[in-house]
C-alpha atoms as a PDB file:
ATOM      1  CA  ARG A   1      88.503  -6.185 -47.108  1.00  0.00           C
ATOM      2  CA  PHE A   2      89.364  -2.926 -49.806  1.00  0.00           C
ATOM      3  CA  ALA A   3      85.672  -1.563 -48.847  1.00  0.00           C
ATOM      4  CA  SER A   4      86.521   1.440 -46.353  1.00  0.00           C
ATOM      5  CA  PRO A   5      84.146   4.693 -45.338  1.00  0.00           C
ATOM      6  CA  THR A   6      84.579   6.869 -48.156  1.00  0.00           C
ATOM      7  CA  ASN A   7      85.049   4.051 -50.989  1.00  0.00           C
ATOM      8  CA  ARG A   8      82.427   1.932 -50.062  1.00  0.00           C
ATOM      9  CA  ALA A   9      82.242  -0.144 -53.480  1.00  0.00           C
ATOM     10  CA  PRO A  10      85.777  -0.569 -54.752  1.00  0.00           C
ATOM     11  CA  LEU A  11      86.323  -1.754 -58.054  1.00  0.00           C
ATOM     12  CA  LEU A  12      89.897  -3.117 -57.335  1.00  0.00           C
ATOM     13  CA  ALA A  13      90.094  -6.593 -57.924  1.00  0.00           C
ATOM     14  CA  GLU A  14      92.999  -9.271 -57.286  1.00  0.00           C
ATOM     15  CA  VAL A  15      93.275 -12.065 -60.124  1.00  0.00           C
ATOM     16  CA  GLY A  16      92.375 -15.436 -58.654  1.00  0.00           C
ATOM     17  CA  GLU A  17      93.523 -19.164 -58.838  1.00  0.00           C
ATOM     18  CA  TYR A  18      91.500 -21.607 -60.940  1.00  0.00           C
ATOM     19  CA  GLY A  19      89.321 -23.515 -58.777  1.00  0.00           C
ATOM     20  CA  ASP A  20      88.521 -27.480 -58.962  1.00  0.00           C
ATOM     21  CA  GLU A  21      86.152 -28.942 -61.613  1.00  0.00           C
ATOM     22  CA  ALA A  22      83.881 -31.833 -60.850  1.00  0.00           C
ATOM     23  CA  GLU A  23      80.920 -33.628 -62.850  1.00  0.00           C
ATOM     24  CA  MET A  24      78.078 -34.716 -60.554  1.00  0.00           C
ATOM     25  CA  ILE A  25      74.316 -35.630 -60.104  1.00  0.00           C
ATOM     26  CA  LEU A  26      72.474 -34.540 -57.253  1.00  0.00           C
ATOM     27  CA  GLU A  27      69.469 -36.096 -56.324  1.00  0.00           C
ATOM     28  CA  MET A  28      67.210 -34.236 -54.296  1.00  0.00           C
ATOM     29  CA  THR A  29      65.771 -37.125 -51.917  1.00  0.00           C
ATOM     30  CA  LEU A  30      61.784 -37.170 -50.668  1.00  0.00           C
ATOM     31  CA  VAL A  31      61.260 -38.561 -47.415  1.00  0.00           C
ATOM     32  CA  ALA A  32      57.871 -38.630 -46.330  1.00  0.00           C
ATOM     33  CA  ASP A  33      56.364 -40.563 -43.645  1.00  0.00           C
ATOM     34  CA  VAL A  34      53.586 -42.415 -44.766  1.00  0.00           C
ATOM     35  CA  GLY A  35      53.463 -43.304 -48.392  1.00  0.00           C
ATOM     36  CA  VAL A  36      50.089 -43.456 -50.644  1.00  0.00           C
ATOM     37  CA  VAL A  37      50.167 -46.460 -52.984  1.00  0.00           C
ATOM     38  CA  GLY A  38      47.847 -47.276 -55.524  1.00  0.00           C
ATOM     39  CA  LYS A  39      46.885 -48.011 -58.989  1.00  0.00           C
ATOM     40  CA  PRO A  40      46.259 -45.265 -61.683  1.00  0.00           C
ATOM     41  CA  ASN A  41      43.142 -43.810 -60.950  1.00  0.00           C
ATOM     42  CA  ALA A  42      42.345 -45.325 -57.465  1.00  0.00           C
ATOM     43  CA  GLY A  43      41.711 -41.710 -55.773  1.00  0.00           C
ATOM     44  CA  LYS A  44      45.279 -41.759 -53.857  1.00  0.00           C
ATOM     45  CA  SER A  45      44.819 -37.550 -54.953  1.00  0.00           C
ATOM     46  CA  THR A  46      41.614 -36.968 -53.522  1.00  0.00           C
ATOM     47  CA  LEU A  47      42.871 -38.741 -50.198  1.00  0.00           C
ATOM     48  CA  LEU A  48      46.043 -36.888 -49.768  1.00  0.00           C
ATOM     49  CA  ALA A  49      43.601 -33.684 -50.682  1.00  0.00           C
ATOM     50  CA  ALA A  50      40.788 -34.860 -47.869  1.00  0.00           C
ATOM     51  CA  VAL A  51      43.589 -35.345 -45.454  1.00  0.00           C
ATOM     52  CA  SER A  52      45.675 -32.648 -45.591  1.00  0.00           C
ATOM     53  CA  ALA A  53      45.806 -28.583 -47.352  1.00  0.00           C
ATOM     54  CA  ALA A  54      48.127 -30.250 -50.235  1.00  0.00           C
ATOM     55  CA  ARG A  55      46.475 -29.703 -53.592  1.00  0.00           C
ATOM     56  CA  PRO A  56      47.791 -32.293 -55.808  1.00  0.00           C
ATOM     57  CA  LYS A  57      46.175 -32.468 -59.519  1.00  0.00           C
ATOM     58  CA  VAL A  58      43.131 -34.371 -59.348  1.00  0.00           C
ATOM     59  CA  GLY A  59      41.686 -35.787 -62.293  1.00  0.00           C
ATOM     60  CA  ASP A  60      39.362 -38.662 -64.181  1.00  0.00           C
ATOM     61  CA  TYR A  61      42.384 -40.234 -66.503  1.00  0.00           C
ATOM     62  CA  PRO A  62      45.077 -42.307 -65.967  1.00  0.00           C
ATOM     63  CA  PHE A  63      48.080 -40.816 -64.830  1.00  0.00           C
ATOM     64  CA  THR A  64      46.921 -37.625 -63.604  1.00  0.00           C
ATOM     65  CA  THR A  65      49.978 -37.297 -61.457  1.00  0.00           C
ATOM     66  CA  THR A  66      53.254 -37.875 -62.518  1.00  0.00           C
ATOM     67  CA  VAL A  67      55.430 -36.854 -59.765  1.00  0.00           C
ATOM     68  CA  PRO A  68      54.688 -37.179 -56.160  1.00  0.00           C
ATOM     69  CA  ALA A  69      52.509 -34.956 -54.066  1.00  0.00           C
ATOM     70  CA  ILE A  70      53.335 -34.317 -50.472  1.00  0.00           C
ATOM     71  CA  GLY A  71      51.206 -33.102 -48.154  1.00  0.00           C
ATOM     72  CA  VAL A  72      51.092 -32.836 -44.081  1.00  0.00           C
ATOM     73  CA  VAL A  73      48.325 -33.878 -42.291  1.00  0.00           C
ATOM     74  CA  THR A  74      47.497 -33.436 -38.396  1.00  0.00           C
ATOM     75  CA  LEU A  75      45.422 -35.769 -36.359  1.00  0.00           C
ATOM     76  CA  GLY A  76      44.649 -34.618 -32.809  1.00  0.00           C
ATOM     77  CA  ASP A  77      48.208 -33.781 -31.656  1.00  0.00           C
ATOM     78  CA  GLN A  78      50.387 -36.094 -34.210  1.00  0.00           C
ATOM     79  CA  VAL A  79      51.600 -34.595 -37.844  1.00  0.00           C
ATOM     80  CA  PHE A  80      52.975 -36.721 -40.049  1.00  0.00           C
ATOM     81  CA  THR A  81      54.056 -36.193 -44.007  1.00  0.00           C
ATOM     82  CA  MET A  82      51.749 -38.016 -46.595  1.00  0.00           C
ATOM     83  CA  MET A  83      53.219 -38.313 -50.062  1.00  0.00           C
ATOM     84  CA  GLU A  84      51.250 -39.530 -52.448  1.00  0.00           C
ATOM     85  CA  ILE A  85      53.466 -42.097 -55.004  1.00  0.00           C
ATOM     86  CA  PRO A  86      52.190 -41.737 -58.570  1.00  0.00           C
ATOM     87  CA  GLY A  87      50.149 -45.375 -59.959  1.00  0.00           C
ATOM     88  CA  LEU A  88      51.704 -48.141 -60.445  1.00  0.00           C
ATOM     89  CA  ILE A  89      50.597 -51.030 -63.140  1.00  0.00           C
ATOM     90  CA  LYS A  90      51.718 -54.469 -64.309  1.00  0.00           C
ATOM     91  CA  ASP A  91      55.825 -54.311 -64.868  1.00  0.00           C
ATOM     92  CA  THR A  92      56.448 -51.395 -63.092  1.00  0.00           C
ATOM     93  CA  HIS A  93      59.349 -52.702 -61.960  1.00  0.00           C
ATOM     94  CA  SER A  94      60.846 -53.689 -65.179  1.00  0.00           C
ATOM     95  CA  GLY A  95      60.430 -49.455 -66.693  1.00  0.00           C
ATOM     96  CA  ARG A  96      56.814 -49.780 -67.663  1.00  0.00           C
ATOM     97  CA  GLY A  97      54.783 -46.803 -67.262  1.00  0.00           C
ATOM     98  CA  LEU A  98      56.976 -44.384 -64.959  1.00  0.00           C
ATOM     99  CA  GLY A  99      59.054 -47.354 -64.001  1.00  0.00           C
ATOM    100  CA  GLU A 100      62.114 -47.506 -61.335  1.00  0.00           C
ATOM    101  CA  GLN A 101      61.547 -43.650 -60.820  1.00  0.00           C
ATOM    102  CA  LEU A 102      58.462 -44.306 -59.237  1.00  0.00           C
ATOM    103  CA  LEU A 103      59.316 -47.547 -56.892  1.00  0.00           C
ATOM    104  CA  ARG A 104      62.533 -45.312 -55.966  1.00  0.00           C
ATOM    105  CA  TYR A 105      59.836 -43.092 -54.086  1.00  0.00           C
ATOM    106  CA  VAL A 106      58.450 -45.792 -51.829  1.00  0.00           C
ATOM    107  CA  GLN A 107      62.037 -46.807 -50.205  1.00  0.00           C
ATOM    108  CA  LYS A 108      61.647 -43.240 -48.474  1.00  0.00           C
ATOM    109  CA  VAL A 109      58.669 -43.789 -46.981  1.00  0.00           C
ATOM    110  CA  ARG A 110      58.368 -45.079 -43.276  1.00  0.00           C
ATOM    111  CA  ALA A 111      54.492 -46.921 -43.736  1.00  0.00           C
ATOM    112  CA  ILE A 112      52.888 -47.581 -46.622  1.00  0.00           C
ATOM    113  CA  VAL A 113      48.892 -46.981 -47.174  1.00  0.00           C
ATOM    114  CA  TYR A 114      47.810 -49.620 -50.146  1.00  0.00           C
ATOM    115  CA  LEU A 115      45.031 -47.710 -51.743  1.00  0.00           C
ATOM    116  CA  VAL A 116      42.301 -49.775 -53.697  1.00  0.00           C
ATOM    117  CA  ASP A 117      39.621 -48.757 -55.962  1.00  0.00           C
ATOM    118  CA  GLY A 118      36.601 -50.731 -54.489  1.00  0.00           C
ATOM    119  CA  SER A 119      34.680 -50.666 -57.811  1.00  0.00           C
ATOM    120  CA  SER A 120      37.331 -52.600 -59.679  1.00  0.00           C
ATOM    121  CA  GLU A 121      36.602 -55.763 -61.094  1.00  0.00           C
ATOM    122  CA  GLU A 122      39.204 -57.331 -58.641  1.00  0.00           C
ATOM    123  CA  PRO A 123      40.018 -55.219 -56.453  1.00  0.00           C
ATOM    124  CA  ALA A 124      41.901 -57.948 -54.126  1.00  0.00           C
ATOM    125  CA  GLN A 125      44.256 -59.009 -57.617  1.00  0.00           C
ATOM    126  CA  ASP A 126      44.791 -55.399 -58.011  1.00  0.00           C
ATOM    127  CA  PHE A 127      45.973 -55.051 -54.361  1.00  0.00           C
ATOM    128  CA  ALA A 128      48.171 -58.597 -54.800  1.00  0.00           C
ATOM    129  CA  MET A 129      49.596 -56.482 -57.796  1.00  0.00           C
ATOM    130  CA  LEU A 130      50.535 -53.540 -55.636  1.00  0.00           C
ATOM    131  CA  ARG A 131      52.472 -55.651 -53.463  1.00  0.00           C
ATOM    132  CA  GLU A 132      53.917 -57.867 -56.199  1.00  0.00           C
ATOM    133  CA  GLU A 133      55.643 -55.110 -57.879  1.00  0.00           C
ATOM    134  CA  LEU A 134      56.798 -54.143 -54.797  1.00  0.00           C
ATOM    135  CA  ARG A 135      58.152 -57.100 -54.225  1.00  0.00           C
ATOM    136  CA  LEU A 136      60.151 -57.560 -57.173  1.00  0.00           C
ATOM    137  CA  TYR A 137      61.266 -54.081 -56.849  1.00  0.00           C
ATOM    138  CA  ASN A 138      62.939 -54.829 -53.411  1.00  0.00           C
ATOM    139  CA  ALA A 139      61.220 -57.884 -51.260  1.00  0.00           C
ATOM    140  CA  ALA A 140      62.282 -55.520 -48.553  1.00  0.00           C
ATOM    141  CA  ILE A 141      59.841 -52.665 -49.005  1.00  0.00           C
ATOM    142  CA  LEU A 142      56.941 -55.389 -47.985  1.00  0.00           C
ATOM    143  CA  GLU A 143      58.322 -55.375 -44.335  1.00  0.00           C
ATOM    144  CA  LYS A 144      57.279 -51.923 -43.711  1.00  0.00           C
ATOM    145  CA  PRO A 145      54.400 -50.948 -41.950  1.00  0.00           C
ATOM    146  CA  ALA A 146      51.183 -50.838 -43.877  1.00  0.00           C
ATOM    147  CA  ILE A 147      47.360 -50.953 -44.236  1.00  0.00           C
ATOM    148  CA  LEU A 148      44.937 -51.207 -46.819  1.00  0.00           C
ATOM    149  CA  VAL A 149      42.660 -49.080 -47.667  1.00  0.00           C
ATOM    150  CA  VAL A 150      39.632 -49.383 -49.636  1.00  0.00           C
ATOM    151  CA  ASN A 151      37.545 -46.618 -51.263  1.00  0.00           C
ATOM    152  CA  LYS A 152      34.186 -45.791 -52.538  1.00  0.00           C
ATOM    153  CA  LEU A 153      32.433 -48.038 -49.727  1.00  0.00           C
ATOM    154  CA  ASP A 154      29.613 -45.776 -50.072  1.00  0.00           C
ATOM    155  CA  LEU A 155      28.620 -47.936 -53.175  1.00  0.00           C
ATOM    156  CA  PRO A 156      26.771 -51.527 -51.861  1.00  0.00           C
ATOM    157  CA  GLU A 157      28.842 -52.932 -54.701  1.00  0.00           C
ATOM    158  CA  VAL A 158      31.783 -51.854 -53.046  1.00  0.00           C
ATOM    159  CA  ARG A 159      30.852 -53.108 -49.477  1.00  0.00           C
ATOM    160  CA  VAL A 160      30.689 -57.113 -51.140  1.00  0.00           C
ATOM    161  CA  ASN A 161      33.865 -56.200 -52.572  1.00  0.00           C
ATOM    162  CA  ALA A 162      35.803 -55.128 -49.278  1.00  0.00           C
ATOM    163  CA  ALA A 163      34.192 -57.856 -47.159  1.00  0.00           C
ATOM    164  CA  THR A 164      35.685 -60.262 -49.949  1.00  0.00           C
ATOM    165  CA  LEU A 165      38.954 -58.624 -49.766  1.00  0.00           C
ATOM    166  CA  ALA A 166      38.928 -58.647 -45.812  1.00  0.00           C
ATOM    167  CA  ARG A 167      38.280 -62.296 -45.916  1.00  0.00           C
ATOM    168  CA  GLY A 168      40.811 -63.217 -48.489  1.00  0.00           C
ATOM    169  CA  LEU A 169      43.121 -61.629 -46.449  1.00  0.00           C
ATOM    170  CA  ALA A 170      42.528 -62.820 -42.737  1.00  0.00           C
END
């Protein structure tokens, strides 16, 4: 209001009033269509990198991923977002590992992909542990649409484990 054609940057100012003061905690909520849940080193980052343009950190050591990674997946004419949830371990619901911090992200997805490492000694127990951790955190999560994905099916012993796992779920 003090600017004019000859004085484009006026140095005039008026004394203002004190404003309101408040302390707030703001939390960014990530929302994705699909969340990938699995144990550490199950292949979640590799799956996300394979199906989307996302480039999450991929490593051969547990807890390579410490924060969720999101990618956009295009499947024909459908486009959806996929979020990789960092690895869940037994007792995550009670704060072990990265704890409740991770499980909150699972509440924000519409569907869940359980990714189980087929080369694990007990893939059925791994799957059961993942579901139990989610149930202990919030049983409503188990009502979301879900699919089980077993990786490393190119290995002969994994095919046997996958067949056993499929029979156990039927």
